[in-house]
Amino acid sequence: MNSAMIGSRFQVVIPKEARERFGLKPNTRVNIEAREEGIMIFLVKCSNLRGLGKELANDEDASDYVKRLRSEWGLER
């Protein structure tokens, strides 16, 4: 287990070995969970959801698609 230090702005530097093992890059999103035994850091793995359902829009612009659906459902704004 590697150790790290909490800086004056409450930032923690993740040790290089851990960054490389999990492929962490700047701006990687993580979830923080406070547990009785300590603090847990979990990777947020949502990048594989990007574009999910795009085939439903048939290459239509996302904003136009949402507007069309709202119109069909009687939810126009």
PDB file of N, CA and C in Angstrom:
ATOM      1  N   MET A   1       0.844  -1.176   0.000  1.00  0.00           N
ATOM      2  CA  MET A   1       0.000   0.000   0.000  1.00  0.00           C
ATOM      3  C   MET A   1       0.887   1.235   0.000  1.00  0.00           C
ATOM      4  N   ASN A   2       0.541   2.183  -0.860  1.00  0.00           N
ATOM      5  CA  ASN A   2       1.262   3.452  -0.912  1.00  0.00           C
ATOM      6  C   ASN A   2       0.567   4.460  -0.017  1.00  0.00           C
ATOM      7  N   SER A   3       1.337   5.421   0.459  1.00  0.00           N
ATOM      8  CA  SER A   3       0.731   6.470   1.271  1.00  0.00           C
ATOM      9  C   SER A   3       0.779   7.789   0.508  1.00  0.00           C
ATOM     10  N   ALA A   4      -0.059   8.712   0.907  1.00  0.00           N
ATOM     11  CA  ALA A   4      -0.102  10.035   0.304  1.00  0.00           C
ATOM     12  C   ALA A   4      -0.344  11.039   1.417  1.00  0.00           C
ATOM     13  N   MET A   5      -0.164  12.317   1.098  1.00  0.00           N
ATOM     14  CA  MET A   5      -0.357  13.362   2.089  1.00  0.00           C
ATOM     15  C   MET A   5      -1.461  14.299   1.624  1.00  0.00           C
ATOM     16  N   ILE A   6      -2.253  14.778   2.552  1.00  0.00           N
ATOM     17  CA  ILE A   6      -3.286  15.757   2.252  1.00  0.00           C
ATOM     18  C   ILE A   6      -2.644  17.134   2.302  1.00  0.00           C
ATOM     19  N   GLY A   7      -2.781  17.883   1.198  1.00  0.00           N
ATOM     20  CA  GLY A   7      -2.194  19.214   1.110  1.00  0.00           C
ATOM     21  C   GLY A   7      -3.057  20.259   1.807  1.00  0.00           C
ATOM     22  N   SER A   8      -2.589  21.501   1.789  1.00  0.00           N
ATOM     23  CA  SER A   8      -3.292  22.590   2.477  1.00  0.00           C
ATOM     24  C   SER A   8      -4.667  22.883   1.872  1.00  0.00           C
ATOM     25  N   ARG A   9      -4.889  22.491   0.600  1.00  0.00           N
ATOM     26  CA  ARG A   9      -6.192  22.685  -0.051  1.00  0.00           C
ATOM     27  C   ARG A   9      -6.995  21.377  -0.042  1.00  0.00           C
ATOM     28  N   PHE A  10      -6.607  20.456   0.830  1.00  0.00           N
ATOM     29  CA  PHE A  10      -7.272  19.160   0.995  1.00  0.00           C
ATOM     30  C   PHE A  10      -7.204  18.302  -0.266  1.00  0.00           C
ATOM     31  N   GLN A  11      -6.162  18.475  -1.065  1.00  0.00           N
ATOM     32  CA  GLN A  11      -5.947  17.658  -2.249  1.00  0.00           C
ATOM     33  C   GLN A  11      -4.997  16.529  -1.904  1.00  0.00           C
ATOM     34  N   VAL A  12      -5.229  15.379  -2.541  1.00  0.00           N
ATOM     35  CA  VAL A  12      -4.387  14.205  -2.334  1.00  0.00           C
ATOM     36  C   VAL A  12      -3.792  13.812  -3.677  1.00  0.00           C
ATOM     37  N   VAL A  13      -2.493  13.581  -3.712  1.00  0.00           N
ATOM     38  CA  VAL A  13      -1.841  13.120  -4.926  1.00  0.00           C
ATOM     39  C   VAL A  13      -1.840  11.597  -4.899  1.00  0.00           C
ATOM     40  N   ILE A  14      -2.428  11.004  -5.942  1.00  0.00           N
ATOM     41  CA  ILE A  14      -2.467   9.544  -6.035  1.00  0.00           C
ATOM     42  C   ILE A  14      -1.103   9.078  -6.508  1.00  0.00           C
ATOM     43  N   PRO A  15      -0.487   8.134  -5.809  1.00  0.00           N
ATOM     44  CA  PRO A  15       0.855   7.667  -6.171  1.00  0.00           C
ATOM     45  C   PRO A  15       0.928   7.159  -7.622  1.00  0.00           C
ATOM     46  N   LYS A  16       2.074   7.360  -8.243  1.00  0.00           N
ATOM     47  CA  LYS A  16       2.288   7.016  -9.650  1.00  0.00           C
ATOM     48  C   LYS A  16       1.917   5.574  -9.948  1.00  0.00           C
ATOM     49  N   GLU A  17       2.305   4.658  -9.086  1.00  0.00           N
ATOM     50  CA  GLU A  17       2.013   3.232  -9.304  1.00  0.00           C
ATOM     51  C   GLU A  17       0.505   2.994  -9.461  1.00  0.00           C
ATOM     52  N   ALA A  18      -0.286   3.628  -8.618  1.00  0.00           N
ATOM     53  CA  ALA A  18      -1.742   3.479  -8.686  1.00  0.00           C
ATOM     54  C   ALA A  18      -2.306   4.161  -9.930  1.00  0.00           C
ATOM     55  N   ARG A  19      -1.776   5.343 -10.278  1.00  0.00           N
ATOM     56  CA  ARG A  19      -2.247   6.051 -11.482  1.00  0.00           C
ATOM     57  C   ARG A  19      -2.015   5.208 -12.723  1.00  0.00           C
ATOM     58  N   GLU A  20      -0.830   4.618 -12.811  1.00  0.00           N
ATOM     59  CA  GLU A  20      -0.502   3.797 -13.971  1.00  0.00           C
ATOM     60  C   GLU A  20      -1.331   2.513 -13.997  1.00  0.00           C
ATOM     61  N   ARG A  21      -1.499   1.896 -12.853  1.00  0.00           N
ATOM     62  CA  ARG A  21      -2.264   0.642 -12.783  1.00  0.00           C
ATOM     63  C   ARG A  21      -3.702   0.817 -13.265  1.00  0.00           C
ATOM     64  N   PHE A  22      -4.328   1.942 -12.910  1.00  0.00           N
ATOM     65  CA  PHE A  22      -5.725   2.171 -13.256  1.00  0.00           C
ATOM     66  C   PHE A  22      -5.898   3.119 -14.436  1.00  0.00           C
ATOM     67  N   GLY A  23      -4.793   3.543 -15.047  1.00  0.00           N
ATOM     68  CA  GLY A  23      -4.859   4.407 -16.220  1.00  0.00           C
ATOM     69  C   GLY A  23      -5.457   5.771 -15.934  1.00  0.00           C
ATOM     70  N   LEU A  24      -5.171   6.318 -14.758  1.00  0.00           N
ATOM     71  CA  LEU A  24      -5.731   7.610 -14.371  1.00  0.00           C
ATOM     72  C   LEU A  24      -5.031   8.743 -15.104  1.00  0.00           C
ATOM     73  N   LYS A  25      -5.819   9.691 -15.544  1.00  0.00           N
ATOM     74  CA  LYS A  25      -5.330  10.881 -16.229  1.00  0.00           C
ATOM     75  C   LYS A  25      -5.937  12.091 -15.533  1.00  0.00           C
ATOM     76  N   PRO A  26      -5.394  13.300 -15.778  1.00  0.00           N
ATOM     77  CA  PRO A  26      -6.021  14.492 -15.210  1.00  0.00           C
ATOM     78  C   PRO A  26      -7.493  14.567 -15.624  1.00  0.00           C
ATOM     79  N   ASN A  27      -8.328  15.041 -14.735  1.00  0.00           N
ATOM     80  CA  ASN A  27      -9.775  15.198 -14.937  1.00  0.00           C
ATOM     81  C   ASN A  27     -10.547  13.879 -14.945  1.00  0.00           C
ATOM     82  N   THR A  28      -9.920  12.797 -14.501  1.00  0.00           N
ATOM     83  CA  THR A  28     -10.638  11.536 -14.352  1.00  0.00           C
ATOM     84  C   THR A  28     -11.636  11.704 -13.215  1.00  0.00           C
ATOM     85  N   ARG A  29     -12.898  11.317 -13.450  1.00  0.00           N
ATOM     86  CA  ARG A  29     -13.939  11.458 -12.431  1.00  0.00           C
ATOM     87  C   ARG A  29     -13.882  10.273 -11.482  1.00  0.00           C
ATOM     88  N   VAL A  30     -14.033  10.575 -10.197  1.00  0.00           N
ATOM     89  CA  VAL A  30     -14.054   9.542  -9.165  1.00  0.00           C
ATOM     90  C   VAL A  30     -15.201   9.804  -8.205  1.00  0.00           C
ATOM     91  N   ASN A  31     -15.654   8.767  -7.551  1.00  0.00           N
ATOM     92  CA  ASN A  31     -16.628   8.887  -6.475  1.00  0.00           C
ATOM     93  C   ASN A  31     -15.886   8.703  -5.161  1.00  0.00           C
ATOM     94  N   ILE A  32     -16.265   9.465  -4.161  1.00  0.00           N
ATOM     95  CA  ILE A  32     -15.671   9.378  -2.835  1.00  0.00           C
ATOM     96  C   ILE A  32     -16.733   8.851  -1.884  1.00  0.00           C
ATOM     97  N   GLU A  33     -16.374   7.828  -1.140  1.00  0.00           N
ATOM     98  CA  GLU A  33     -17.331   7.262  -0.184  1.00  0.00           C
ATOM     99  C   GLU A  33     -16.687   7.217   1.197  1.00  0.00           C
ATOM    100  N   ALA A  34     -17.359   7.849   2.152  1.00  0.00           N
ATOM    101  CA  ALA A  34     -16.884   7.826   3.538  1.00  0.00           C
ATOM    102  C   ALA A  34     -17.448   6.575   4.208  1.00  0.00           C
ATOM    103  N   ARG A  35     -16.559   5.766   4.715  1.00  0.00           N
ATOM    104  CA  ARG A  35     -16.951   4.544   5.423  1.00  0.00           C
ATOM    105  C   ARG A  35     -16.423   4.612   6.843  1.00  0.00           C
ATOM    106  N   GLU A  36     -16.911   3.734   7.644  1.00  0.00           N
ATOM    107  CA  GLU A  36     -16.471   3.711   9.044  1.00  0.00           C
ATOM    108  C   GLU A  36     -14.962   3.491   9.147  1.00  0.00           C
ATOM    109  N   GLU A  37     -14.432   2.643   8.272  1.00  0.00           N
ATOM    110  CA  GLU A  37     -13.010   2.311   8.345  1.00  0.00           C
ATOM    111  C   GLU A  37     -12.108   3.246   7.552  1.00  0.00           C
ATOM    112  N   GLY A  38     -12.699   4.168   6.778  1.00  0.00           N
ATOM    113  CA  GLY A  38     -11.870   5.102   6.034  1.00  0.00           C
ATOM    114  C   GLY A  38     -12.584   5.665   4.818  1.00  0.00           C
ATOM    115  N   ILE A  39     -11.826   6.274   3.942  1.00  0.00           N
ATOM    116  CA  ILE A  39     -12.350   6.899   2.735  1.00  0.00           C
ATOM    117  C   ILE A  39     -12.009   6.009   1.550  1.00  0.00           C
ATOM    118  N   MET A  40     -13.010   5.748   0.699  1.00  0.00           N
ATOM    119  CA  MET A  40     -12.805   4.924  -0.487  1.00  0.00           C
ATOM    120  C   MET A  40     -12.946   5.816  -1.721  1.00  0.00           C
ATOM    121  N   ILE A  41     -12.089   5.604  -2.699  1.00  0.00           N
ATOM    122  CA  ILE A  41     -12.148   6.329  -3.962  1.00  0.00           C
ATOM    123  C   ILE A  41     -12.439   5.306  -5.054  1.00  0.00           C
ATOM    124  N   PHE A  42     -13.501   5.546  -5.828  1.00  0.00           N
ATOM    125  CA  PHE A  42     -13.897   4.648  -6.898  1.00  0.00           C
ATOM    126  C   PHE A  42     -13.897   5.397  -8.222  1.00  0.00           C
ATOM    127  N   LEU A  43     -13.430   4.746  -9.273  1.00  0.00           N
ATOM    128  CA  LEU A  43     -13.489   5.341 -10.597  1.00  0.00           C
ATOM    129  C   LEU A  43     -14.932   5.406 -11.062  1.00  0.00           C
ATOM    130  N   VAL A  44     -15.293   6.489 -11.723  1.00  0.00           N
ATOM    131  CA  VAL A  44     -16.603   6.610 -12.346  1.00  0.00           C
ATOM    132  C   VAL A  44     -16.437   6.080 -13.762  1.00  0.00           C
ATOM    133  N   LYS A  45     -17.097   4.988 -14.057  1.00  0.00           N
ATOM    134  CA  LYS A  45     -16.952   4.370 -15.378  1.00  0.00           C
ATOM    135  C   LYS A  45     -18.228   4.583 -16.180  1.00  0.00           C
ATOM    136  N   CYS A  46     -18.353   5.754 -16.766  1.00  0.00           N
ATOM    137  CA  CYS A  46     -19.534   6.045 -17.574  1.00  0.00           C
ATOM    138  C   CYS A  46     -19.166   6.369 -19.010  1.00  0.00           C
ATOM    139  N   SER A  47     -17.881   6.403 -19.330  1.00  0.00           N
ATOM    140  CA  SER A  47     -17.486   6.757 -20.693  1.00  0.00           C
ATOM    141  C   SER A  47     -17.997   5.757 -21.710  1.00  0.00           C
ATOM    142  N   ASN A  48     -18.218   4.498 -21.296  1.00  0.00           N
ATOM    143  CA  ASN A  48     -18.714   3.503 -22.232  1.00  0.00           C
ATOM    144  C   ASN A  48     -20.196   3.708 -22.540  1.00  0.00           C
ATOM    145  N   LEU A  49     -20.856   4.639 -21.858  1.00  0.00           N
ATOM    146  CA  LEU A  49     -22.256   4.941 -22.129  1.00  0.00           C
ATOM    147  C   LEU A  49     -22.413   6.081 -23.126  1.00  0.00           C
ATOM    148  N   ARG A  50     -21.317   6.724 -23.470  1.00  0.00           N
ATOM    149  CA  ARG A  50     -21.369   7.866 -24.375  1.00  0.00           C
ATOM    150  C   ARG A  50     -21.951   7.423 -25.715  1.00  0.00           C
ATOM    151  N   GLY A  51     -22.978   8.141 -26.168  1.00  0.00           N
ATOM    152  CA  GLY A  51     -23.604   7.827 -27.444  1.00  0.00           C
ATOM    153  C   GLY A  51     -24.670   6.752 -27.359  1.00  0.00           C
ATOM    154  N   LEU A  52     -24.944   6.269 -26.157  1.00  0.00           N
ATOM    155  CA  LEU A  52     -25.938   5.231 -25.984  1.00  0.00           C
ATOM    156  C   LEU A  52     -27.292   5.716 -26.498  1.00  0.00           C
ATOM    157  N   GLY A  53     -27.909   4.964 -27.352  1.00  0.00           N
ATOM    158  CA  GLY A  53     -29.214   5.306 -27.885  1.00  0.00           C
ATOM    159  C   GLY A  53     -29.183   6.205 -29.106  1.00  0.00           C
ATOM    160  N   LYS A  54     -27.992   6.531 -29.612  1.00  0.00           N
ATOM    161  CA  LYS A  54     -27.931   7.458 -30.746  1.00  0.00           C
ATOM    162  C   LYS A  54     -28.611   6.894 -31.988  1.00  0.00           C
ATOM    163  N   GLU A  55     -28.716   5.568 -32.072  1.00  0.00           N
ATOM    164  CA  GLU A  55     -29.385   4.976 -33.233  1.00  0.00           C
ATOM    165  C   GLU A  55     -30.880   5.301 -33.244  1.00  0.00           C
ATOM    166  N   LEU A  56     -31.431   5.661 -32.093  1.00  0.00           N
ATOM    167  CA  LEU A  56     -32.849   6.020 -32.022  1.00  0.00           C
ATOM    168  C   LEU A  56     -33.131   7.331 -32.753  1.00  0.00           C
ATOM    169  N   ALA A  57     -32.162   8.226 -32.801  1.00  0.00           N
ATOM    170  CA  ALA A  57     -32.352   9.539 -33.413  1.00  0.00           C
ATOM    171  C   ALA A  57     -32.109   9.518 -34.919  1.00  0.00           C
ATOM    172  N   ASN A  58     -31.631   8.405 -35.462  1.00  0.00           N
ATOM    173  CA  ASN A  58     -31.384   8.290 -36.913  1.00  0.00           C
ATOM    174  C   ASN A  58     -30.558   9.451 -37.452  1.00  0.00           C
ATOM    175  N   ASP A  59     -29.452   9.748 -36.804  1.00  0.00           N
ATOM    176  CA  ASP A  59     -28.524  10.814 -37.203  1.00  0.00           C
ATOM    177  C   ASP A  59     -29.141  12.212 -37.141  1.00  0.00           C
ATOM    178  N   GLU A  60     -30.268  12.375 -36.471  1.00  0.00           N
ATOM    179  CA  GLU A  60     -30.892  13.682 -36.268  1.00  0.00           C
ATOM    180  C   GLU A  60     -30.133  14.403 -35.153  1.00  0.00           C
ATOM    181  N   ASP A  61     -30.019  15.719 -35.257  1.00  0.00           N
ATOM    182  CA  ASP A  61     -29.389  16.515 -34.204  1.00  0.00           C
ATOM    183  C   ASP A  61     -30.089  16.232 -32.873  1.00  0.00           C
ATOM    184  N   ALA A  62     -29.332  16.086 -31.808  1.00  0.00           N
ATOM    185  CA  ALA A  62     -29.891  15.712 -30.503  1.00  0.00           C
ATOM    186  C   ALA A  62     -30.950  16.707 -30.029  1.00  0.00           C
ATOM    187  N   SER A  63     -30.705  18.003 -30.200  1.00  0.00           N
ATOM    188  CA  SER A  63     -31.678  19.013 -29.767  1.00  0.00           C
ATOM    189  C   SER A  63     -32.968  18.902 -30.566  1.00  0.00           C
ATOM    190  N   ASP A  64     -32.834  18.706 -31.883  1.00  0.00           N
ATOM    191  CA  ASP A  64     -34.020  18.558 -32.731  1.00  0.00           C
ATOM    192  C   ASP A  64     -34.786  17.292 -32.366  1.00  0.00           C
ATOM    193  N   TYR A  65     -34.063  16.237 -32.060  1.00  0.00           N
ATOM    194  CA  TYR A  65     -34.691  14.967 -31.681  1.00  0.00           C
ATOM    195  C   TYR A  65     -35.522  15.143 -30.404  1.00  0.00           C
ATOM    196  N   VAL A  66     -34.956  15.800 -29.414  1.00  0.00           N
ATOM    197  CA  VAL A  66     -35.670  16.010 -28.152  1.00  0.00           C
ATOM    198  C   VAL A  66     -36.894  16.899 -28.377  1.00  0.00           C
ATOM    199  N   LYS A  67     -36.733  17.955 -29.172  1.00  0.00           N
ATOM    200  CA  LYS A  67     -37.872  18.836 -29.474  1.00  0.00           C
ATOM    201  C   LYS A  67     -38.985  18.064 -30.171  1.00  0.00           C
ATOM    202  N   ARG A  68     -38.616  17.210 -31.123  1.00  0.00           N
ATOM    203  CA  ARG A  68     -39.613  16.420 -31.842  1.00  0.00           C
ATOM    204  C   ARG A  68     -40.350  15.483 -30.896  1.00  0.00           C
ATOM    205  N   LEU A  69     -39.604  14.824 -30.012  1.00  0.00           N
ATOM    206  CA  LEU A  69     -40.240  13.919 -29.054  1.00  0.00           C
ATOM    207  C   LEU A  69     -41.186  14.668 -28.122  1.00  0.00           C
ATOM    208  N   ARG A  70     -40.747  15.816 -27.632  1.00  0.00           N
ATOM    209  CA  ARG A  70     -41.601  16.613 -26.747  1.00  0.00           C
ATOM    210  C   ARG A  70     -42.884  17.021 -27.455  1.00  0.00           C
ATOM    211  N   SER A  71     -42.748  17.363 -28.735  1.00  0.00           N
ATOM    212  CA  SER A  71     -43.909  17.737 -29.525  1.00  0.00           C
ATOM    213  C   SER A  71     -44.856  16.546 -29.668  1.00  0.00           C
ATOM    214  N   GLU A  72     -44.300  15.374 -29.974  1.00  0.00           N
ATOM    215  CA  GLU A  72     -45.112  14.172 -30.134  1.00  0.00           C
ATOM    216  C   GLU A  72     -45.830  13.803 -28.838  1.00  0.00           C
ATOM    217  N   TRP A  73     -45.185  14.062 -27.730  1.00  0.00           N
ATOM    218  CA  TRP A  73     -45.758  13.705 -26.424  1.00  0.00           C
ATOM    219  C   TRP A  73     -46.629  14.813 -25.845  1.00  0.00           C
ATOM    220  N   GLY A  74     -46.751  15.931 -26.574  1.00  0.00           N
ATOM    221  CA  GLY A  74     -47.538  17.058 -26.078  1.00  0.00           C
ATOM    222  C   GLY A  74     -46.871  17.812 -24.949  1.00  0.00           C
ATOM    223  N   LEU A  75     -45.546  17.831 -24.960  1.00  0.00           N
ATOM    224  CA  LEU A  75     -44.788  18.500 -23.892  1.00  0.00           C
ATOM    225  C   LEU A  75     -44.011  19.697 -24.427  1.00  0.00           C
ATOM    226  N   GLU A  76     -44.503  20.352 -25.467  1.00  0.00           N
ATOM    227  CA  GLU A  76     -43.776  21.476 -26.055  1.00  0.00           C
ATOM    228  C   GLU A  76     -43.595  22.598 -25.052  1.00  0.00           C
ATOM    229  N   ARG A  77     -42.470  23.273 -25.170  1.00  0.00           N
ATOM    230  CA  ARG A  77     -42.187  24.394 -24.259  1.00  0.00           C
ATOM    231  C   ARG A  77     -42.103  25.670 -25.041  1.00  0.00           C
TER     232      ARG A  77
END
